[in-house]
Amino acid sequence: LELISVSINYKQFDFKPVNTQITPYTEADRLRIIEPLSGETDFYSLAILFDFHMVLRIGELKGLKWSDIDGDFIRIQRFIDDKNRVINSIKGNTADGIRSMPLTSATKAILSQVRKLQPDDQEFIFYRGDSPLATVTFNRHLKKCCDELGIEYRSSHKLRFSTASIMYKNGMDDTELQKLLGHTTLSMTRHYLCNITSNEETANKMAAILG
């Protein structure tokens, strides 16, 4: 067997660092957004409001059924993909993704409003007719709300991270968040939360500590 030595000039490749910084909605942003939405009764306003109270992927939000509700909890056990296909598993296809999430009094009130907009035989919570809410329309409504309030817009993808970071900053343990997020490992959750402190917050802490 003859071994061939190959010399590669790695300088010819242009490697660019990946920007993993995720800037979430702040707690103040969240409160400013949900205040006007709390007075709305249209389908998309209620969906956005509900998502600001949960830690769900947008596909998981679309996949919720009324039968998933069991008392004070709702079972997260399926999602709907970008082709509107119902997938009876959760991202990553692991047992950790399937989980029960508490329903607060606020989320119960939102669901009650959604129920009024649907026929009695509707199976999915965030469906209108035979179709789930559209992600692009969800984001369009969210952007309009942000623009009116002068808040930097972040898409539906950031809501889950934003809510998780707000709970973490207010004392919820990372192990509790791991269960809510459906992460397989705690290190995944910690990576998820590693960028929640802004540069301004860090500067203020340094000034307070170091003078």
Protein backbone atom coordinates (compact mmCIF):
# COMPACT_ATOMS: atom_id res chain seq x y z
CA LEU A 1 0.00 0.00 0.00
CA GLU A 2 1.59 3.24 -1.13
CA LEU A 3 0.84 6.33 0.96
CA ILE A 4 0.58 9.60 -0.89
CA SER A 5 1.47 12.76 0.95
CA VAL A 6 -0.63 15.76 -0.04
CA SER A 7 0.29 19.28 0.98
CA ILE A 8 -2.63 21.66 1.37
CA ASN A 9 -2.27 25.41 1.55
CA TYR A 10 -4.97 26.32 4.06
CA LYS A 11 -4.38 30.04 3.48
CA GLN A 12 -6.29 29.71 0.22
CA PHE A 13 -9.53 29.16 2.13
CA ASP A 14 -11.43 32.11 3.49
CA PHE A 15 -12.71 31.12 6.93
CA LYS A 16 -15.25 33.45 8.46
CA PRO A 17 -16.35 33.21 12.09
CA VAL A 18 -20.02 32.43 12.58
CA ASN A 19 -21.95 35.06 14.49
CA THR A 20 -23.78 33.15 17.22
CA GLN A 21 -24.82 36.26 19.14
CA ILE A 22 -28.57 36.25 19.67
CA THR A 23 -30.04 39.46 21.05
CA PRO A 24 -33.34 38.65 22.72
CA TYR A 25 -36.28 40.88 23.50
CA THR A 26 -35.66 42.40 26.89
CA GLU A 27 -38.10 42.16 29.77
CA ALA A 28 -39.09 45.79 29.14
CA ASP A 29 -39.61 45.04 25.43
CA ARG A 30 -41.83 42.09 26.29
CA LEU A 31 -44.01 44.10 28.64
CA ARG A 32 -44.41 46.92 26.13
CA ILE A 33 -45.44 44.46 23.40
CA ILE A 34 -47.88 42.36 25.40
CA GLU A 35 -49.67 45.39 26.90
CA PRO A 36 -51.40 46.51 23.66
CA LEU A 37 -51.82 42.93 22.46
CA SER A 38 -53.70 42.07 25.65
CA GLY A 39 -56.57 44.21 24.41
CA GLU A 40 -56.74 42.52 20.99
CA THR A 41 -58.92 39.55 20.08
CA ASP A 42 -57.73 38.71 16.56
CA PHE A 43 -56.10 35.36 15.83
CA TYR A 44 -52.51 36.50 15.23
CA SER A 45 -52.38 38.94 18.15
CA LEU A 46 -53.50 36.13 20.46
CA ALA A 47 -50.91 33.76 18.96
CA ILE A 48 -48.10 36.27 19.51
CA LEU A 49 -49.34 36.99 23.02
CA PHE A 50 -49.44 33.26 23.82
CA ASP A 51 -45.93 32.75 22.46
CA PHE A 52 -44.59 35.57 24.66
CA HIS A 53 -45.84 33.56 27.67
CA MET A 54 -44.29 30.25 26.61
CA VAL A 55 -40.95 28.82 25.42
CA LEU A 56 -42.12 27.16 22.20
CA ARG A 57 -40.67 26.81 18.74
CA ILE A 58 -43.05 28.26 16.16
CA GLY A 59 -43.61 24.76 14.73
CA GLU A 60 -44.55 23.48 18.19
CA LEU A 61 -47.00 26.37 18.59
CA LYS A 62 -48.68 25.40 15.33
CA GLY A 63 -48.85 21.75 16.36
CA LEU A 64 -50.75 22.26 19.62
CA LYS A 65 -54.14 20.54 19.91
CA TRP A 66 -56.94 21.23 22.37
CA SER A 67 -56.61 17.61 23.48
CA ASP A 68 -53.02 18.34 24.60
CA ILE A 69 -54.39 20.37 27.50
CA ASP A 70 -54.60 18.45 30.75
CA GLY A 71 -55.68 20.65 33.65
CA ASP A 72 -52.92 23.16 34.35
CA PHE A 73 -50.51 21.71 31.78
CA ILE A 74 -50.22 21.41 28.02
CA ARG A 75 -48.35 18.56 26.32
CA ILE A 76 -45.78 19.46 23.65
CA GLN A 77 -45.52 16.37 21.46
CA ARG A 78 -45.63 17.35 17.78
CA PHE A 79 -44.79 20.16 15.39
CA ILE A 80 -45.85 21.39 11.99
CA ASP A 81 -43.09 21.99 9.47
CA ASP A 82 -42.79 24.74 6.86
CA LYS A 83 -44.79 22.63 4.39
CA ASN A 84 -47.68 22.35 6.87
CA ARG A 85 -46.98 18.67 7.49
CA VAL A 86 -47.86 17.37 10.97
CA ILE A 87 -44.78 15.68 12.48
CA ASN A 88 -45.63 13.52 15.47
CA SER A 89 -42.32 14.08 17.21
CA ILE A 90 -40.25 17.05 18.35
CA LYS A 91 -37.09 18.56 16.87
CA GLY A 92 -34.17 16.21 17.41
CA ASN A 93 -36.59 13.29 17.74
CA THR A 94 -35.63 12.69 21.37
CA ALA A 95 -37.74 11.88 24.41
CA ASP A 96 -36.59 15.13 26.04
CA GLY A 97 -38.39 17.18 23.40
CA ILE A 98 -41.76 15.73 24.35
CA ARG A 99 -42.71 17.53 27.51
CA SER A 100 -45.49 19.08 29.57
CA MET A 101 -45.52 22.83 30.09
CA PRO A 102 -47.45 24.66 32.83
CA LEU A 103 -50.37 26.87 31.85
CA THR A 104 -50.54 30.09 33.82
CA SER A 105 -53.72 32.06 34.42
CA ALA A 106 -52.61 34.41 31.61
CA THR A 107 -52.14 31.61 29.07
CA LYS A 108 -55.47 30.05 30.03
CA ALA A 109 -57.19 33.39 29.42
CA ILE A 110 -55.52 33.67 25.99
CA LEU A 111 -56.61 30.14 25.05
CA SER A 112 -60.16 30.98 26.10
CA GLN A 113 -60.12 33.90 23.64
CA VAL A 114 -58.73 31.68 20.86
CA ARG A 115 -61.45 29.10 21.50
CA LYS A 116 -64.11 31.74 20.82
CA LEU A 117 -62.69 32.30 17.33
CA GLN A 118 -62.95 28.65 16.31
CA PRO A 119 -65.70 26.15 15.53
CA ASP A 120 -66.37 23.61 18.25
CA ASP A 121 -64.90 20.76 16.22
CA GLN A 122 -61.53 22.44 15.59
CA GLU A 123 -58.76 19.99 16.59
CA PHE A 124 -55.72 22.29 16.52
CA ILE A 125 -55.47 25.39 18.67
CA PHE A 126 -53.74 27.76 16.26
CA TYR A 127 -55.57 26.73 13.09
CA ARG A 128 -58.00 28.68 11.02
CA GLY A 129 -60.04 26.33 8.88
CA ASP A 130 -57.76 23.60 7.56
CA SER A 131 -54.50 25.54 7.86
CA PRO A 132 -52.20 26.51 10.73
CA LEU A 133 -51.14 30.09 11.30
CA ALA A 134 -48.55 31.22 8.75
CA THR A 135 -45.10 32.00 10.14
CA VAL A 136 -44.62 34.86 7.68
CA THR A 137 -47.93 36.44 8.73
CA PHE A 138 -47.11 35.90 12.42
CA ASN A 139 -43.81 37.73 11.89
CA ARG A 140 -45.48 40.49 9.87
CA HIS A 141 -47.90 41.17 12.74
CA LEU A 142 -45.05 41.08 15.26
CA LYS A 143 -42.93 43.48 13.18
CA LYS A 144 -45.85 45.91 12.82
CA CYS A 145 -46.30 45.89 16.60
CA CYS A 146 -42.57 46.49 17.16
CA ASP A 147 -42.44 49.29 14.59
CA GLU A 148 -45.37 51.08 16.24
CA LEU A 149 -43.65 50.85 19.62
CA GLY A 150 -40.16 51.74 18.40
CA ILE A 151 -38.76 48.36 19.46
CA GLU A 152 -36.13 46.49 17.45
CA TYR A 153 -37.91 43.65 15.67
CA ARG A 154 -36.84 40.05 16.20
CA SER A 155 -38.61 37.20 14.42
CA SER A 156 -40.65 34.38 15.96
CA HIS A 157 -37.42 32.38 16.23
CA LYS A 158 -36.24 34.78 18.96
CA LEU A 159 -39.37 34.61 21.14
CA ARG A 160 -38.50 31.25 22.66
CA PHE A 161 -35.00 32.42 23.53
CA SER A 162 -36.28 35.76 24.82
CA THR A 163 -38.81 34.22 27.21
CA ALA A 164 -36.23 31.70 28.46
CA SER A 165 -33.65 34.43 29.09
CA ILE A 166 -36.19 36.57 30.97
CA MET A 167 -37.12 33.65 33.25
CA TYR A 168 -33.44 32.86 33.81
CA LYS A 169 -32.68 36.45 34.78
CA ASN A 170 -35.60 36.36 37.21
CA GLY A 171 -34.30 33.34 39.10
CA MET A 172 -35.42 30.22 37.25
CA ASP A 173 -32.76 27.50 37.37
CA ASP A 174 -31.13 26.36 34.16
CA THR A 175 -32.20 22.79 34.99
CA GLU A 176 -35.84 23.91 35.04
CA LEU A 177 -35.37 25.73 31.76
CA GLN A 178 -33.79 22.63 30.24
CA LYS A 179 -37.05 20.75 30.81
CA LEU A 180 -39.20 23.58 29.47
CA LEU A 181 -37.04 24.01 26.38
CA GLY A 182 -36.90 20.27 25.73
CA HIS A 183 -33.11 20.20 25.53
CA THR A 184 -31.31 16.87 25.70
CA THR A 185 -28.43 18.20 27.81
CA LEU A 186 -27.89 20.98 30.31
CA SER A 187 -24.87 22.18 28.33
CA MET A 188 -27.21 22.85 25.40
CA THR A 189 -29.38 25.04 27.63
CA ARG A 190 -26.36 26.89 29.01
CA HIS A 191 -25.09 27.53 25.50
CA TYR A 192 -28.56 28.85 24.69
CA LEU A 193 -28.33 31.31 27.58
CA CYS A 194 -24.66 32.30 27.31
CA ASN A 195 -25.30 35.57 25.44
CA ILE A 196 -28.23 36.98 27.39
CA THR A 197 -26.26 39.78 29.03
CA SER A 198 -25.82 42.80 26.77
CA ASN A 199 -22.55 44.72 26.47
CA GLU A 200 -24.19 47.65 28.25
CA GLU A 201 -25.20 45.48 31.21
CA THR A 202 -21.68 44.06 31.43
CA ALA A 203 -20.20 47.59 31.35
CA ASN A 204 -22.55 48.75 34.13
CA LYS A 205 -21.62 45.75 36.29
CA MET A 206 -17.89 46.38 35.77
CA ALA A 207 -18.33 50.04 36.68
CA ALA A 208 -20.26 49.13 39.83
CA ILE A 209 -17.74 46.50 40.90
CA LEU A 210 -14.46 48.03 39.79
CA GLY A 211 -15.28 51.73 39.84
